[in-house]
Protein backbone atom coordinates (compact mmCIF):
# COMPACT_ATOMS: atom_id res chain seq x y z
CA MET A 1 78.66 67.22 205.14
CA MET A 2 79.37 65.68 201.78
CA SER A 3 76.54 67.61 200.09
CA LYS A 4 77.78 71.01 201.21
CA ARG A 5 81.29 70.76 199.76
CA PRO A 6 80.39 71.21 196.06
CA GLN A 7 78.40 74.31 196.94
CA LYS A 8 81.40 75.79 198.73
CA ARG A 9 83.63 75.13 195.75
CA ASP A 10 81.16 76.84 193.41
CA ILE A 11 81.14 79.89 195.65
CA GLU A 12 84.93 79.99 195.64
CA LYS A 13 85.00 79.79 191.80
CA VAL A 14 82.54 82.68 191.49
CA SER A 15 84.50 84.83 193.94
CA TRP A 16 87.74 84.27 192.05
CA LYS A 17 86.05 85.30 188.78
CA LYS A 18 84.82 88.49 190.41
CA ARG A 19 88.25 89.23 191.76
CA LEU A 20 89.88 88.72 188.36
CA GLY A 21 87.25 90.90 186.70
CA GLY A 22 87.82 93.64 189.24
CA VAL A 23 91.58 93.52 188.77
CA ALA A 24 91.15 93.67 185.00
CA PHE A 25 88.79 96.62 185.33
CA LEU A 26 91.27 98.46 187.56
CA LEU A 27 94.08 97.81 185.11
CA ILE A 28 92.00 99.10 182.20
CA MET A 29 90.98 102.21 184.08
CA CYS A 30 94.53 102.84 185.17
CA GLY A 31 95.66 102.36 181.60
CA ILE A 32 93.10 104.80 180.29
CA GLY A 33 94.01 107.28 182.97
CA PHE A 34 97.68 106.82 182.23
CA VAL A 35 97.19 107.39 178.49
CA SER A 36 94.99 110.42 179.20
CA SER A 37 97.65 111.82 181.48
CA LEU A 38 100.29 111.30 178.83
CA MET A 39 98.12 113.05 176.22
CA THR A 40 97.58 115.98 178.58
CA ILE A 41 101.30 116.29 179.27
CA TRP A 42 102.13 115.98 175.55
CA SER A 43 99.56 118.65 174.60
CA PHE A 44 101.02 120.94 177.24
CA ILE A 45 104.53 120.42 175.87
CA VAL A 46 103.82 120.77 172.14
CA GLY A 47 100.87 123.16 172.44
CA ASN A 48 97.64 123.23 170.45
CA GLY A 49 99.25 124.01 167.11
CA ILE A 50 98.55 127.75 167.27
CA THR A 51 101.39 130.27 166.90
CA TYR A 52 101.27 133.69 168.55
CA LEU A 53 102.83 136.21 166.16
CA ASP A 54 104.52 139.48 167.09
CA VAL A 55 103.22 142.34 164.96
CA GLN A 56 106.56 144.14 165.40
CA ASP A 57 108.57 141.21 164.01
CA THR A 58 108.64 142.57 160.46
CA ALA A 59 110.61 139.71 158.92
CA LYS A 60 108.28 137.04 160.30
CA LEU A 61 105.20 139.08 159.42
CA LYS A 62 106.33 139.43 155.78
CA THR A 63 106.95 135.70 155.59
CA VAL A 64 103.44 134.96 156.85
CA LEU A 65 101.64 137.50 154.67
CA PHE A 66 103.73 137.33 151.49
CA GLY A 67 105.65 134.05 151.67
CA GLY A 68 103.03 131.96 149.87
CA ASP A 69 102.51 129.32 152.59
CA PRO A 70 98.90 128.90 153.81
CA TRP A 71 98.04 130.63 157.11
CA LEU A 72 94.84 131.13 159.07
CA ILE A 73 95.15 134.30 161.15
CA TYR A 74 92.87 135.07 164.09
CA CYS A 75 93.01 138.78 164.93
CA VAL A 76 92.95 140.20 168.46
CA ASN A 77 93.34 143.62 170.03
CA ASN A 78 94.30 144.80 173.53
CA GLU A 79 90.85 143.94 174.85
CA THR A 80 90.56 140.44 173.39
CA ILE A 81 94.17 139.27 173.54
CA ASP A 82 93.57 137.45 176.85
CA HIS A 83 90.24 135.97 175.80
CA ARG A 84 89.93 132.30 175.05
CA LEU A 85 90.23 131.43 171.36
CA PRO A 86 87.25 129.96 169.51
CA ASP A 87 86.83 126.24 170.23
CA VAL A 88 86.89 125.40 166.54
CA LEU A 89 90.47 126.71 166.33
CA GLU A 90 91.79 125.22 169.57
CA GLU A 91 90.34 121.80 168.77
CA HIS A 92 91.14 121.59 165.06
CA ALA A 93 94.30 123.63 164.45
CA ARG A 94 96.41 120.48 164.28
CA THR A 95 93.88 118.78 162.03
CA LEU A 96 94.11 121.70 159.58
CA ARG A 97 97.90 121.42 159.58
CA ARG A 98 97.76 117.71 158.72
CA SER A 99 94.98 117.84 156.13
CA LEU A 100 95.61 121.18 154.38
CA GLY A 101 99.15 122.13 155.35
CA LEU A 102 97.59 125.22 156.96
CA GLN A 103 99.26 126.93 159.91
CA THR A 104 97.16 128.84 162.45
CA GLY A 105 98.34 132.06 164.07
CA VAL A 106 97.10 134.78 166.43
CA LEU A 107 98.03 138.36 165.53
CA GLN A 108 97.26 141.86 166.75
CA CYS A 109 96.00 142.92 163.32
CA PHE A 110 94.84 146.35 164.49
CA ASP A 111 98.18 147.59 165.87
CA GLN A 112 100.53 149.63 163.71
CA THR A 113 103.36 147.83 161.98
CA SER A 114 106.74 149.26 161.00
CA SER A 115 105.09 150.72 157.87
CA GLY A 116 102.82 152.93 160.00
CA ARG A 117 99.65 151.02 159.12
CA SER A 118 97.99 148.03 160.70
CA VAL A 119 97.53 144.76 158.84
CA ALA A 120 93.78 145.40 158.76
CA GLN A 121 94.35 148.82 157.18
CA ARG A 122 96.92 147.49 154.72
CA PHE A 123 94.45 145.01 153.25
CA LYS A 124 91.29 147.11 153.78
CA MET A 125 89.62 144.74 156.23
CA ARG A 126 87.38 145.52 159.20
CA LEU A 127 89.18 147.52 161.89
CA LYS A 128 87.93 145.72 165.00
CA PRO A 129 87.22 142.17 166.18
CA PRO A 130 85.91 139.71 165.29
CA LEU A 131 88.23 139.21 162.33
CA ALA A 132 89.91 136.14 160.90
CA PHE A 133 91.42 135.63 157.46
CA VAL A 134 93.23 133.11 155.30
CA VAL A 135 96.30 134.07 153.25
CA ALA A 136 98.11 131.84 150.75
CA ASN A 137 99.84 131.69 147.37
CA GLY A 138 101.00 135.31 147.50
CA ASN A 139 97.40 136.52 147.15
CA ASN A 140 95.67 139.13 149.27
CA PRO A 141 94.07 137.82 152.49
CA ARG A 142 90.51 136.50 152.32
CA GLU A 143 88.30 137.09 155.36
CA LEU A 144 86.96 133.98 157.08
CA GLY A 145 83.80 133.79 159.18
CA LEU A 146 84.06 131.47 162.20
CA LEU A 147 80.61 132.08 163.66
CA GLY A 148 78.59 128.88 163.83
CA LEU A 149 81.51 126.61 162.88
CA SER A 150 82.30 123.71 165.20
CA LYS A 151 83.37 120.80 162.99
CA ALA A 152 86.71 120.46 161.22
CA GLU A 153 84.92 119.50 157.99
CA ASP A 154 82.94 122.74 157.90
CA LEU A 155 86.04 124.79 158.65
CA GLU A 156 88.02 123.08 155.87
CA LYS A 157 85.19 123.63 153.40
CA ASN A 158 85.31 127.40 154.02
CA ILE A 159 89.10 127.54 153.85
CA LYS A 160 89.80 125.50 150.71
CA PRO A 161 88.76 128.17 148.13
CA ALA A 162 91.48 130.50 149.44
CA LEU A 163 94.11 127.78 149.05
CA ALA A 164 93.23 126.77 145.50
CA LEU A 165 96.13 126.85 143.03
CA GLU A 166 95.07 128.15 139.61
CA VAL A 167 96.57 128.89 136.22
CA LYS A 168 95.05 132.17 135.11
CA ARG A 169 94.37 133.09 131.49
CA ILE A 170 95.12 136.69 130.49
CA ASP A 171 91.89 138.11 129.07
CA ALA A 172 92.39 141.84 129.71
CA LEU A 173 95.27 144.30 129.90
CA LYS A 174 94.77 145.03 133.61
CA GLN A 175 95.14 141.33 134.40
CA TRP A 176 98.67 141.31 133.01
CA SER A 177 99.86 143.59 135.80
CA SER A 178 97.75 142.24 138.67
CA LEU A 179 98.34 138.57 137.88
CA CYS A 180 101.91 138.62 136.57
CA THR A 181 104.24 141.62 136.42
CA SER A 182 103.37 142.83 139.94
CA ARG A 183 104.30 139.40 141.36
CA ARG A 184 107.74 138.42 142.59
CA SER A 185 107.87 135.43 140.20
CA CYS A 186 105.58 134.75 137.26
CA VAL A 187 105.65 131.93 134.71
CA VAL A 188 104.16 132.86 131.33
CA ILE A 189 103.00 130.12 128.95
CA GLY A 190 102.71 131.66 125.47
CA HIS A 191 100.74 129.55 123.01
CA LYS A 192 98.86 129.74 119.73
CA ASN A 193 96.58 126.77 120.33
CA PHE A 194 95.23 124.71 123.21
CA ALA A 195 97.43 121.72 122.42
CA GLN A 196 100.61 123.76 123.00
CA ARG A 197 99.21 125.19 126.23
CA ASP A 198 98.09 121.85 127.65
CA THR A 199 101.37 120.13 126.81
CA ALA A 200 103.35 122.76 128.72
CA LEU A 201 100.96 122.70 131.70
CA ASN A 202 101.27 118.93 132.01
CA PHE A 203 104.92 119.45 132.96
CA LEU A 204 104.51 122.64 135.00
CA LYS A 205 101.36 122.18 137.11
CA PRO A 206 102.79 119.43 139.36
CA MET A 207 105.30 122.01 140.64
CA GLN A 208 102.65 124.46 141.85
CA ASP A 209 102.03 122.95 145.26
CA LYS A 210 105.70 123.18 146.24
CA TYR A 211 106.27 126.66 144.77
CA ARG A 212 103.08 128.45 145.80
CA LEU A 213 104.62 131.90 145.47
CA VAL A 214 105.20 131.47 141.73
CA LYS A 215 102.21 132.66 139.68
CA PHE A 216 101.26 130.83 136.46
CA VAL A 217 99.48 132.56 133.57
CA THR A 218 98.71 131.67 129.95
CA VAL A 219 98.86 134.13 127.05
CA ASP A 220 97.28 133.46 123.65
CA THR A 221 99.93 134.90 121.31
CA ALA A 222 97.53 134.71 118.39
CA PHE A 223 95.67 137.58 120.08
CA TRP A 224 98.29 139.26 122.30
CA GLN A 225 101.67 140.72 121.39
CA LEU A 226 104.39 140.44 124.02
CA LYS A 227 107.28 142.88 123.54
CA LEU A 228 110.64 141.60 124.79
CA GLU A 229 114.08 143.18 124.73
CA GLU A 230 116.60 142.06 122.12
CA GLY A 231 119.03 140.64 124.67
CA LEU A 232 116.34 138.38 126.05
CA MET A 233 115.15 137.31 122.61
CA GLN A 234 118.62 136.08 121.76
CA SER A 235 118.35 133.49 124.54
CA ARG A 236 115.05 132.17 123.24
CA PRO A 237 115.22 128.44 122.41
CA PRO A 238 114.27 127.22 118.92
CA LYS A 239 110.58 127.30 118.10
CA GLY A 240 108.51 124.21 118.64
CA GLY A 241 105.47 124.26 120.89
CA ALA A 242 104.69 126.76 123.63
CA ASP A 243 107.12 129.44 124.79
CA VAL A 244 107.57 129.30 128.59
CA LEU A 245 109.03 132.44 130.16
CA CYS A 246 109.89 133.32 133.76
CA LEU A 247 109.49 136.97 134.79
CA THR A 248 111.01 138.18 138.07
CA ARG A 249 110.56 141.33 140.12
CA ASP A 250 112.85 142.44 142.96
CA GLU A 251 111.95 145.17 145.43
CA PRO A 252 115.12 146.61 147.02
CA LYS A 253 115.20 146.84 150.80
CA ASP A 254 116.82 150.28 150.79
CA GLY A 255 114.00 151.88 148.83
CA GLY A 256 115.76 151.99 145.45
CA ASN A 257 114.33 151.21 142.04
CA THR A 258 112.57 147.95 141.30
CA SER A 259 114.57 145.59 139.08
CA PHE A 260 113.24 143.06 136.58
CA GLY A 261 114.58 139.91 134.99
CA ALA A 262 113.48 137.07 132.73
CA PHE A 263 114.61 133.84 131.11
CA PHE A 264 113.15 131.14 128.87
CA MET A 265 112.58 127.49 129.69
CA GLU A 266 115.10 125.58 127.60
CA THR A 267 113.54 122.10 127.35
CA LEU A 268 109.91 121.13 127.80
CA SER A 269 110.27 118.04 130.00
CA SER A 270 109.73 116.93 133.60
CA SER A 271 113.36 117.49 134.58
CA GLY A 272 113.46 120.75 132.63
CA ALA A 273 110.30 121.97 134.37
CA LYS A 274 111.70 121.16 137.82
CA SER A 275 114.97 123.06 137.31
CA PHE A 276 113.15 125.90 135.56
CA ILE A 277 110.64 126.49 138.39
CA GLU A 278 113.36 126.19 141.03
CA ALA A 279 115.42 128.86 139.27
CA CYS A 280 112.36 131.07 138.72
CA ALA A 281 111.43 130.96 142.41
CA ALA A 282 115.04 131.71 143.43
CA HIS A 283 115.58 134.36 140.70
CA ALA A 284 118.64 132.45 139.54
CA GLY A 285 120.19 132.86 136.09
CA VAL A 286 117.87 135.66 134.97
CA VAL A 287 118.59 138.08 132.13
CA LYS A 288 118.26 141.63 133.44
CA ILE A 289 115.72 143.78 131.60
CA LYS A 290 115.04 147.49 131.93
CA ALA A 291 111.33 147.29 132.66
CA ALA A 292 108.49 144.82 133.02
CA PRO A 293 107.34 143.54 129.60
CA ARG A 294 104.02 144.81 128.28
CA ILE A 295 101.37 143.21 126.16
CA LYS A 296 98.90 144.64 123.69
CA ALA A 297 96.25 143.23 121.42
CA ARG A 298 97.39 142.48 117.90
CA PRO A 299 95.92 144.84 115.32
CA SER A 300 93.32 143.20 113.15
CA LYS A 301 94.31 142.68 109.52
CA PRO A 302 92.17 144.33 106.82
CA LYS A 303 89.88 141.91 105.11
CA THR A 304 89.64 141.69 101.34
CA VAL A 305 86.06 142.34 100.31
CA LYS A 306 84.86 141.77 96.76
CA ALA A 307 81.59 143.34 95.79
CA SER A 308 79.06 141.30 93.92
CA PRO A 309 78.18 142.68 90.47
CA VAL A 310 75.27 145.10 90.34
CA GLN A 311 72.34 143.55 88.66
CA ALA A 312 69.93 145.74 86.77
CA ARG A 313 66.37 145.53 87.91
CA ALA A 314 63.86 144.44 85.30
CA ARG A 315 61.92 147.39 83.97
CA PRO A 316 58.73 147.34 81.98
CA ARG A 317 59.39 147.52 78.29
CA PRO A 318 58.64 151.05 77.04
CA PRO A 319 56.27 151.47 74.12
CA PRO A 320 58.02 151.61 70.78
CA SER A 321 59.03 155.11 69.86
CA PRO A 322 58.14 156.56 66.52
CA PRO A 323 60.91 156.39 63.95
CA ALA A 324 63.24 159.35 64.15
CA LYS A 325 63.15 161.71 61.32
CA LYS A 326 66.37 161.99 59.47
CA LYS A 327 67.88 165.41 59.33
CA VAL A 328 69.69 166.12 56.20
CA GLY A 329 73.20 167.50 56.60
CA GLY A 330 73.13 167.58 60.47
CA LYS A 331 75.27 165.67 62.99
CA VAL A 332 73.53 163.26 65.38
CA ASP A 333 75.02 162.26 68.80
CA GLN A 334 74.47 158.58 69.74
CA VAL A 335 73.47 158.32 73.45
CA GLY A 336 73.13 154.92 75.19
CA SER A 337 69.91 154.06 76.97
CA ARG A 338 69.54 154.10 80.83
CA ALA A 339 68.99 150.36 80.86
CA ALA A 340 72.28 149.77 79.11
CA LEU A 341 74.17 151.87 81.70
CA GLU A 342 72.69 149.98 84.69
CA SER A 343 73.53 146.61 83.17
CA GLU A 344 77.28 147.24 83.38
CA ASP A 345 79.18 145.39 86.23
CA GLU A 346 80.65 147.90 88.70
CA PRO A 347 82.20 146.76 92.08
CA LEU A 348 80.94 148.48 95.25
CA PHE A 349 84.30 148.14 97.13
CA GLU A 350 87.81 148.09 95.79
CA ALA A 351 89.77 144.92 96.56
CA VAL A 352 93.00 145.21 98.52
CA GLU A 353 95.98 144.63 96.29
CA GLU A 354 98.04 141.59 97.13
CA SER A 355 101.18 143.67 97.58
CA GLU A 356 99.41 145.94 100.09
CA GLU A 357 98.16 142.94 102.07
CA GLU A 358 101.67 141.50 102.30
CA GLU A 359 102.98 144.85 103.49
CA THR A 360 100.32 145.07 106.20
CA SER A 361 100.95 141.53 107.41
CA GLY A 362 104.66 142.24 107.45
CA ASN A 363 104.11 145.20 109.79
CA ASP A 364 102.01 142.99 112.08
CA GLU A 365 104.71 140.35 112.54
CA GLU A 366 106.17 140.54 116.05
CA SER A 367 108.67 138.52 118.03
CA GLU A 368 106.75 135.94 119.97
């Protein structure tokens, strides 16, 4: 009897361990199930991060397409509107919002809007599904291929180029309109050297991410002339570094004429840049101008060219001529030799007079 008791106690200890392990397992499983249930309920309440847009809501549609904020739009038509969205969008829409600040929307891109055209027609995209695009920074939409994408990293890699914020350099006349004067707000950095440009950009570029709708361009005023109205030139701050100018464009809602405005940045500093960009985006405190400013290439100045003296080529010495016979009582004309004529210094081009050069440069001077 005494030998059996320790064995019984060991069995009881093992059974209690099993019971405790089972209880712990049940608690863990219940906890996991509880958390999973909460996540399911929360996802149902807040959704998957995808917004369904009404193509007839003109105000909202303009905000999405032209407001500057990043959007990924998945297009549907009457046949595909009830289809399930691609898994890569349903699973990663919230991830895109957190990592890129990108909102995801579903839109009937092939239905007519209030303008009489569909969104696909307006931006010359394909006119039937599948179609998805990314729009940001006030730029035209960029089509996005979703086929074969399953990971958030791959999707982000394809989206990022459309979200990039750039400062464009004006290299051609057509760029001036497409990159600046056709935009609602454009900041022009006029400079004569890279140091002036870079100093101004150091203060302005940090504001780009917040004010995505404002376009930034640089203009080399050593090459380009920018014509501005007298009233605007009077508000120009004293020279010293780059000239920073805000150009604004307002399209009236009633179909009237487009109006333009502009103003200079007063102080080149962090606080000055902040208030300047805020006012430029809001079109506050602008000087009204009659038309959008134009640029043109500066005329090249004539170069002064001095010709090198003409050097006579060496000729073989002619044989000595017999002595001329003197004519008594007659007149003799003295004619120089050919070699003597060619040895004279005669310029090939006439130099520009200093007074003429000053006059030309004076005509080229423009208000910068």
